[in-house]
Protein backbone atom coordinates (compact mmCIF):
# COMPACT_ATOMS: atom_id res chain seq x y z
CA MET A 1 -0.17 -0.15 0.05
CA SER A 2 2.44 2.51 0.73
CA ARG A 3 4.13 2.22 -2.71
CA LYS A 4 0.76 3.03 -4.30
CA ASN A 5 0.91 5.89 -2.35
CA THR A 6 4.47 7.16 -2.89
CA LEU A 7 3.44 7.13 -6.80
CA LEU A 8 0.21 8.71 -6.22
CA ALA A 9 2.15 11.24 -4.12
CA ALA A 10 4.66 11.90 -6.63
CA GLY A 11 1.65 12.16 -9.65
CA LEU A 12 0.09 14.81 -7.82
CA GLY A 13 3.58 16.98 -7.15
CA PHE A 14 4.41 16.30 -10.72
CA LEU A 15 0.69 18.01 -11.87
CA VAL A 16 0.63 20.46 -9.56
CA GLY A 17 4.24 21.67 -10.43
CA TYR A 18 3.45 21.57 -14.06
CA LEU A 19 -0.05 23.92 -13.44
CA ILE A 20 1.87 25.91 -11.38
CA ARG A 21 4.96 26.53 -13.77
CA ASP A 22 2.43 27.01 -16.23
CA GLN A 23 0.64 30.04 -14.36
CA LEU A 24 3.78 31.44 -13.50
CA ASP A 25 4.97 31.84 -17.28
CA ASN A 26 1.74 33.73 -18.15
CA PHE A 27 2.53 36.44 -14.98
CA GLN A 28 6.33 37.20 -15.82
CA LYS A 29 7.87 39.97 -17.66
CA ILE A 30 9.68 39.65 -20.84
CA THR A 31 13.46 39.39 -20.53
CA PRO A 32 15.66 42.11 -21.98
CA GLU A 33 16.76 39.11 -24.69
CA LYS A 34 12.78 38.72 -25.67
CA ALA A 35 12.42 42.54 -26.19
CA LEU A 36 14.93 42.92 -28.80
CA GLN A 37 13.91 39.84 -30.20
CA PHE A 38 10.55 40.89 -30.99
CA ALA A 39 11.78 44.69 -32.18
CA LYS A 40 14.25 42.76 -34.37
CA ASP A 41 11.50 40.63 -35.94
CA THR A 42 9.23 43.63 -36.50
CA PHE A 43 12.04 46.07 -38.00
CA GLU A 44 13.39 42.93 -40.38
CA GLN A 45 9.61 43.13 -41.89
CA ASN A 46 10.86 46.12 -43.55
CA GLY A 47 14.23 45.06 -44.85
CA PRO A 48 17.42 43.59 -43.44
CA ILE A 49 19.54 44.48 -39.95
CA THR A 50 22.71 45.76 -39.39
CA GLY A 51 22.76 45.79 -35.81
CA SER A 52 21.25 46.03 -32.56
CA TRP A 53 21.26 46.85 -29.08
CA ILE A 54 19.22 46.94 -25.55
CA TYR A 55 19.75 48.49 -22.34
CA MET A 56 19.00 45.81 -19.97
CA LYS A 57 17.95 47.97 -16.61
CA PRO A 58 13.85 48.90 -17.06
CA GLU A 59 13.10 52.45 -17.80
CA LYS A 60 10.12 54.45 -17.02
CA ILE A 61 8.73 56.63 -20.28
CA GLU A 62 5.18 58.23 -20.26
CA LYS A 63 3.22 58.53 -23.55
CA ASN A 64 -0.18 59.88 -24.24
CA GLY A 65 -0.41 59.86 -20.43
CA LEU A 66 0.35 57.01 -19.56
CA VAL A 67 3.56 55.42 -17.75
CA TYR A 68 5.02 52.23 -18.90
CA GLU A 69 7.87 50.49 -17.55
CA THR A 70 10.21 49.74 -20.85
CA TYR A 71 13.39 48.30 -22.32
CA ARG A 72 15.13 50.90 -24.50
CA GLY A 73 16.95 49.39 -27.50
CA GLY A 74 18.57 50.39 -30.96
CA ILE A 75 18.17 49.21 -34.22
CA SER A 76 20.37 50.01 -37.41
CA ARG A 77 20.10 48.82 -41.34
CA ASN A 78 21.51 50.12 -44.66
CA VAL A 79 19.19 51.71 -46.82
CA ASP A 80 20.32 52.75 -50.60
CA GLY A 81 24.02 52.79 -48.94
CA GLU A 82 22.89 54.97 -45.91
CA ASP A 83 22.55 53.57 -42.30
CA GLN A 84 19.84 54.76 -40.59
CA GLN A 85 19.46 54.24 -36.87
CA TYR A 86 16.44 53.86 -34.69
CA ASP A 87 15.68 53.91 -30.94
CA PHE A 88 12.66 52.10 -29.61
CA TYR A 89 11.15 51.39 -26.25
CA ILE A 90 9.29 48.20 -26.13
CA ASP A 91 6.54 47.33 -23.01
CA ILE A 92 8.12 45.03 -20.51
CA ASP A 93 4.66 43.43 -19.51
CA THR A 94 3.48 42.74 -23.24
CA GLY A 95 6.29 43.32 -25.95
CA ALA A 96 4.57 45.98 -27.51
CA ILE A 97 6.61 48.57 -28.82
CA ILE A 98 6.05 51.92 -27.49
CA ASP A 99 7.89 54.30 -29.24
CA VAL A 100 10.46 54.58 -32.52
CA VAL A 101 12.68 57.51 -32.72
CA LYS A 102 14.55 57.75 -36.09
CA LYS A 103 18.30 59.05 -35.42
């Protein structure tokens, strides 16, 4: 009987652990690496990228009366032989690009 109880307890433990991990993934903020990948994927829709960077420390910005916690980064690309650079702010909670500034 103890072997059956041990297997039942182990199975329940794995199930509870899986459910908790799944719920925590939904509430975690995105990492700077994921934020940079989101931005690169978005910018690559308009052409190839020659360089990119992201600042790892979150910054708060205000846009349209709302305050966002964001990562700041940059993308560079070569268009018609001319380098173009863009700074972007990406929301930590959703991964949405909040603002883009051409430099």
